[in-house]
PDB file of N, CA and C in Angstrom:
ATOM      1  N   UNK A   1     155.618-106.040   3.567  1.00  0.00           N
ATOM      2  CA  UNK A   1     155.211-104.912   2.767  1.00  0.00           C
ATOM      3  C   UNK A   1     153.693-104.747   2.830  1.00  0.00           C
ATOM      4  N   UNK A   2     152.993-105.858   2.903  1.00  0.00           N
ATOM      5  CA  UNK A   2     151.546-105.775   3.006  1.00  0.00           C
ATOM      6  C   UNK A   2     151.146-105.156   4.349  1.00  0.00           C
ATOM      7  N   UNK A   3     151.949-105.370   5.369  1.00  0.00           N
ATOM      8  CA  UNK A   3     151.701-104.750   6.665  1.00  0.00           C
ATOM      9  C   UNK A   3     151.797-103.237   6.604  1.00  0.00           C
ATOM     10  N   UNK A   4     152.772-102.739   5.849  1.00  0.00           N
ATOM     11  CA  UNK A   4     152.908-101.285   5.682  1.00  0.00           C
ATOM     12  C   UNK A   4     151.683-100.723   4.973  1.00  0.00           C
ATOM     13  N   UNK A   5     151.193-101.458   3.976  1.00  0.00           N
ATOM     14  CA  UNK A   5     150.012-101.013   3.246  1.00  0.00           C
ATOM     15  C   UNK A   5     148.818-100.893   4.187  1.00  0.00           C
ATOM     16  N   UNK A   6     148.631-101.902   5.017  1.00  0.00           N
ATOM     17  CA  UNK A   6     147.512-101.872   5.957  1.00  0.00           C
ATOM     18  C   UNK A   6     147.665-100.747   6.975  1.00  0.00           C
ATOM     19  N   UNK A   7     148.894-100.488   7.399  1.00  0.00           N
ATOM     20  CA  UNK A   7     149.128 -99.411   8.351  1.00  0.00           C
ATOM     21  C   UNK A   7     148.748 -98.052   7.743  1.00  0.00           C
ATOM     22  N   UNK A   8     149.189 -97.795   6.506  1.00  0.00           N
ATOM     23  CA  UNK A   8     148.853 -96.528   5.863  1.00  0.00           C
ATOM     24  C   UNK A   8     147.364 -96.437   5.579  1.00  0.00           C
ATOM     25  N   UNK A   9     146.720 -97.565   5.296  1.00  0.00           N
ATOM     26  CA  UNK A   9     145.281 -97.551   5.085  1.00  0.00           C
ATOM     27  C   UNK A   9     144.542 -97.182   6.365  1.00  0.00           C
ATOM     28  N   UNK A  10     144.980 -97.717   7.488  1.00  0.00           N
ATOM     29  CA  UNK A  10     144.367 -97.375   8.773  1.00  0.00           C
ATOM     30  C   UNK A  10     144.592 -95.906   9.097  1.00  0.00           C
ATOM     31  N   UNK A  11     145.791 -95.409   8.839  1.00  0.00           N
ATOM     32  CA  UNK A  11     146.079 -93.983   9.061  1.00  0.00           C
ATOM     33  C   UNK A  11     145.156 -93.124   8.200  1.00  0.00           C
ATOM     34  N   UNK A  12     144.952 -93.531   6.940  1.00  0.00           N
ATOM     35  CA  UNK A  12     144.077 -92.767   6.050  1.00  0.00           C
ATOM     36  C   UNK A  12     142.642 -92.753   6.551  1.00  0.00           C
ATOM     37  N   UNK A  13     142.159 -93.884   7.034  1.00  0.00           N
ATOM     38  CA  UNK A  13     140.785 -93.950   7.523  1.00  0.00           C
ATOM     39  C   UNK A  13     140.613 -93.093   8.780  1.00  0.00           C
ATOM     40  N   UNK A  14     141.552 -93.209   9.703  1.00  0.00           N
ATOM     41  CA  UNK A  14     141.463 -92.425  10.940  1.00  0.00           C
ATOM     42  C   UNK A  14     141.561 -90.932  10.640  1.00  0.00           C
ATOM     43  N   UNK A  15     142.497 -90.553   9.771  1.00  0.00           N
ATOM     44  CA  UNK A  15     142.639 -89.130   9.421  1.00  0.00           C
ATOM     45  C   UNK A  15     141.394 -88.628   8.704  1.00  0.00           C
ATOM     46  N   UNK A  16     140.801 -89.463   7.869  1.00  0.00           N
ATOM     47  CA  UNK A  16     139.571 -89.069   7.181  1.00  0.00           C
ATOM     48  C   UNK A  16     138.417 -88.869   8.148  1.00  0.00           C
ATOM     49  N   UNK A  17     138.316 -89.744   9.141  1.00  0.00           N
ATOM     50  CA  UNK A  17     137.248 -89.608  10.136  1.00  0.00           C
ATOM     51  C   UNK A  17     137.422 -88.356  10.987  1.00  0.00           C
ATOM     52  N   UNK A  18     138.667 -87.969  11.225  1.00  0.00           N
ATOM     53  CA  UNK A  18     138.938 -86.788  12.041  1.00  0.00           C
ATOM     54  C   UNK A  18     138.927 -85.498  11.235  1.00  0.00           C
ATOM     55  N   UNK A  19     138.773 -85.598   9.918  1.00  0.00           N
ATOM     56  CA  UNK A  19     138.660 -84.407   9.097  1.00  0.00           C
ATOM     57  C   UNK A  19     139.951 -83.915   8.476  1.00  0.00           C
ATOM     58  N   UNK A  20     141.016 -84.668   8.599  1.00  0.00           N
ATOM     59  CA  UNK A  20     142.288 -84.278   7.988  1.00  0.00           C
ATOM     60  C   UNK A  20     142.350 -84.858   6.574  1.00  0.00           C
ATOM     61  N   UNK A  21     141.696 -84.200   5.642  1.00  0.00           N
ATOM     62  CA  UNK A  21     141.565 -84.761   4.297  1.00  0.00           C
ATOM     63  C   UNK A  21     142.899 -84.810   3.555  1.00  0.00           C
ATOM     64  N   UNK A  22     143.780 -83.854   3.785  1.00  0.00           N
ATOM     65  CA  UNK A  22     145.085 -83.863   3.108  1.00  0.00           C
ATOM     66  C   UNK A  22     145.937 -85.036   3.541  1.00  0.00           C
ATOM     67  N   UNK A  23     145.986 -85.271   4.828  1.00  0.00           N
ATOM     68  CA  UNK A  23     146.764 -86.399   5.353  1.00  0.00           C
ATOM     69  C   UNK A  23     146.130 -87.715   4.931  1.00  0.00           C
ATOM     70  N   UNK A  24     144.801 -87.772   4.936  1.00  0.00           N
ATOM     71  CA  UNK A  24     144.100 -88.994   4.540  1.00  0.00           C
ATOM     72  C   UNK A  24     144.379 -89.321   3.082  1.00  0.00           C
ATOM     73  N   UNK A  25     144.349 -88.310   2.236  1.00  0.00           N
ATOM     74  CA  UNK A  25     144.630 -88.529   0.813  1.00  0.00           C
ATOM     75  C   UNK A  25     146.059 -88.978   0.571  1.00  0.00           C
ATOM     76  N   UNK A  26     146.989 -88.367   1.286  1.00  0.00           N
ATOM     77  CA  UNK A  26     148.393 -88.733   1.128  1.00  0.00           C
ATOM     78  C   UNK A  26     148.635 -90.159   1.615  1.00  0.00           C
ATOM     79  N   UNK A  27     148.070 -90.509   2.763  1.00  0.00           N
ATOM     80  CA  UNK A  27     148.254 -91.861   3.296  1.00  0.00           C
ATOM     81  C   UNK A  27     147.607 -92.896   2.387  1.00  0.00           C
ATOM     82  N   UNK A  28     146.449 -92.585   1.831  1.00  0.00           N
ATOM     83  CA  UNK A  28     145.789 -93.512   0.908  1.00  0.00           C
ATOM     84  C   UNK A  28     146.614 -93.684  -0.364  1.00  0.00           C
ATOM     85  N   UNK A  29     147.202 -92.599  -0.846  1.00  0.00           N
ATOM     86  CA  UNK A  29     148.058 -92.684  -2.030  1.00  0.00           C
ATOM     87  C   UNK A  29     149.289 -93.537  -1.783  1.00  0.00           C
ATOM     88  N   UNK A  30     149.907 -93.359  -0.626  1.00  0.00           N
ATOM     89  CA  UNK A  30     151.082 -94.161  -0.272  1.00  0.00           C
ATOM     90  C   UNK A  30     150.693 -95.626  -0.145  1.00  0.00           C
ATOM     91  N   UNK A  31     149.549 -95.893   0.478  1.00  0.00           N
ATOM     92  CA  UNK A  31     149.087 -97.276   0.626  1.00  0.00           C
ATOM     93  C   UNK A  31     148.848 -97.915  -0.739  1.00  0.00           C
ATOM     94  N   UNK A  32     148.300 -97.154  -1.667  1.00  0.00           N
ATOM     95  CA  UNK A  32     148.032 -97.679  -3.002  1.00  0.00           C
ATOM     96  C   UNK A  32     149.330 -98.023  -3.730  1.00  0.00           C
ATOM     97  N   UNK A  33     150.307 -97.137  -3.649  1.00  0.00           N
ATOM     98  CA  UNK A  33     151.593 -97.378  -4.311  1.00  0.00           C
ATOM     99  C   UNK A  33     152.290 -98.604  -3.720  1.00  0.00           C
ATOM    100  N   UNK A  34     152.333 -98.696  -2.397  1.00  0.00           N
ATOM    101  CA  UNK A  34     152.987 -99.831  -1.753  1.00  0.00           C
ATOM    102  C   UNK A  34     152.264-101.126  -2.098  1.00  0.00           C
ATOM    103  N   UNK A  35     150.924-101.101  -2.165  1.00  0.00           N
ATOM    104  CA  UNK A  35     150.168-102.301  -2.514  1.00  0.00           C
ATOM    105  C   UNK A  35     150.499-102.760  -3.927  1.00  0.00           C
ATOM    106  N   UNK A  36     150.578-101.839  -4.881  1.00  0.00           N
ATOM    107  CA  UNK A  36     150.894-102.234  -6.250  1.00  0.00           C
ATOM    108  C   UNK A  36     152.328-102.747  -6.371  1.00  0.00           C
ATOM    109  N   UNK A  37     153.256-102.177  -5.627  1.00  0.00           N
ATOM    110  CA  UNK A  37     154.626-102.703  -5.606  1.00  0.00           C
ATOM    111  C   UNK A  37     154.622-104.119  -5.052  1.00  0.00           C
ATOM    112  N   UNK A  38     153.833-104.365  -3.989  1.00  0.00           N
ATOM    113  CA  UNK A  38     153.705-105.702  -3.415  1.00  0.00           C
ATOM    114  C   UNK A  38     153.170-106.691  -4.447  1.00  0.00           C
ATOM    115  N   UNK A  39     152.144-106.301  -5.192  1.00  0.00           N
ATOM    116  CA  UNK A  39     151.557-107.191  -6.187  1.00  0.00           C
ATOM    117  C   UNK A  39     152.553-107.512  -7.294  1.00  0.00           C
ATOM    118  N   UNK A  40     153.290-106.513  -7.755  1.00  0.00           N
ATOM    119  CA  UNK A  40     154.284-106.734  -8.808  1.00  0.00           C
ATOM    120  C   UNK A  40     155.382-107.681  -8.322  1.00  0.00           C
ATOM    121  N   UNK A  41     155.880-107.456  -7.100  1.00  0.00           N
ATOM    122  CA  UNK A  41     156.920-108.340  -6.565  1.00  0.00           C
ATOM    123  C   UNK A  41     156.395-109.756  -6.355  1.00  0.00           C
ATOM    124  N   UNK A  42     155.139-109.894  -5.956  1.00  0.00           N
ATOM    125  CA  UNK A  42     154.530-111.209  -5.799  1.00  0.00           C
ATOM    126  C   UNK A  42     154.458-111.930  -7.139  1.00  0.00           C
ATOM    127  N   UNK A  43     154.030-111.234  -8.172  1.00  0.00           N
ATOM    128  CA  UNK A  43     153.950-111.845  -9.495  1.00  0.00           C
ATOM    129  C   UNK A  43     155.322-112.242 -10.021  1.00  0.00           C
ATOM    130  N   UNK A  44     156.320-111.395  -9.820  1.00  0.00           N
ATOM    131  CA  UNK A  44     157.677-111.724 -10.241  1.00  0.00           C
ATOM    132  C   UNK A  44     158.171-112.960  -9.506  1.00  0.00           C
ATOM    133  N   UNK A  45     157.899-113.044  -8.231  1.00  0.00           N
ATOM    134  CA  UNK A  45     158.310-114.195  -7.435  1.00  0.00           C
ATOM    135  C   UNK A  45     157.623-115.472  -7.906  1.00  0.00           C
ATOM    136  N   UNK A  46     156.334-115.400  -8.168  1.00  0.00           N
ATOM    137  CA  UNK A  46     155.602-116.579  -8.626  1.00  0.00           C
ATOM    138  C   UNK A  46     156.086-117.048  -9.992  1.00  0.00           C
ATOM    139  N   UNK A  47     156.344-116.110 -10.900  1.00  0.00           N
ATOM    140  CA  UNK A  47     156.820-116.480 -12.235  1.00  0.00           C
ATOM    141  C   UNK A  47     158.213-117.076 -12.161  1.00  0.00           C
ATOM    142  N   UNK A  48     159.088-116.479 -11.365  1.00  0.00           N
ATOM    143  CA  UNK A  48     160.457-117.004 -11.281  1.00  0.00           C
ATOM    144  C   UNK A  48     160.474-118.385 -10.648  1.00  0.00           C
ATOM    145  N   UNK A  49     159.629-118.627  -9.644  1.00  0.00           N
ATOM    146  CA  UNK A  49     159.553-119.961  -9.048  1.00  0.00           C
ATOM    147  C   UNK A  49     158.958-120.967 -10.014  1.00  0.00           C
ATOM    148  N   UNK A  50     158.000-120.547 -10.831  1.00  0.00           N
ATOM    149  CA  UNK A  50     157.396-121.451 -11.806  1.00  0.00           C
ATOM    150  C   UNK A  50     158.412-121.820 -12.893  1.00  0.00           C
ATOM    151  N   UNK A  51     159.237-120.876 -13.289  1.00  0.00           N
ATOM    152  CA  UNK A  51     160.244-121.154 -14.309  1.00  0.00           C
ATOM    153  C   UNK A  51     161.346-122.086 -13.786  1.00  0.00           C
ATOM    154  N   UNK A  52     161.614-122.020 -12.488  1.00  0.00           N
ATOM    155  CA  UNK A  52     162.613-122.904 -11.879  1.00  0.00           C
ATOM    156  C   UNK A  52     162.038-124.276 -11.561  1.00  0.00           C
ATOM    157  N   UNK A  53     160.720-124.412 -11.628  1.00  0.00           N
ATOM    158  CA  UNK A  53     160.093-125.690 -11.366  1.00  0.00           C
ATOM    159  C   UNK A  53     159.766-125.934  -9.905  1.00  0.00           C
ATOM    160  N   UNK A  54     159.835-124.911  -9.084  1.00  0.00           N
ATOM    161  CA  UNK A  54     159.489-125.063  -7.675  1.00  0.00           C
ATOM    162  C   UNK A  54     158.025-124.725  -7.479  1.00  0.00           C
ATOM    163  N   UNK A  55     157.369-125.471  -6.613  1.00  0.00           N
ATOM    164  CA  UNK A  55     155.977-125.170  -6.304  1.00  0.00           C
ATOM    165  C   UNK A  55     155.930-124.216  -5.096  1.00  0.00           C
ATOM    166  N   UNK A  56     154.957-123.302  -5.107  1.00  0.00           N
ATOM    167  CA  UNK A  56     154.849-122.407  -3.946  1.00  0.00           C
ATOM    168  C   UNK A  56     154.401-123.175  -2.710  1.00  0.00           C
ATOM    169  N   UNK A  57     154.908-122.787  -1.562  1.00  0.00           N
ATOM    170  CA  UNK A  57     154.574-123.498  -0.320  1.00  0.00           C
ATOM    171  C   UNK A  57     153.373-122.915   0.324  1.00  0.00           C
TER     172      UNK A  57
END
């Protein structure tokens, strides 16, 4: 999921450099949403592993 975020971020930067502000804004928005979903899932995973007594590898 973090790979998708980086891909959309690169698309946003390239589109911004080429002057496509609408596409750049949309790609940046998608990257932001995917990144926050990644962070939430990471936190849920860490909490659930901590409650089970497993250490992260």
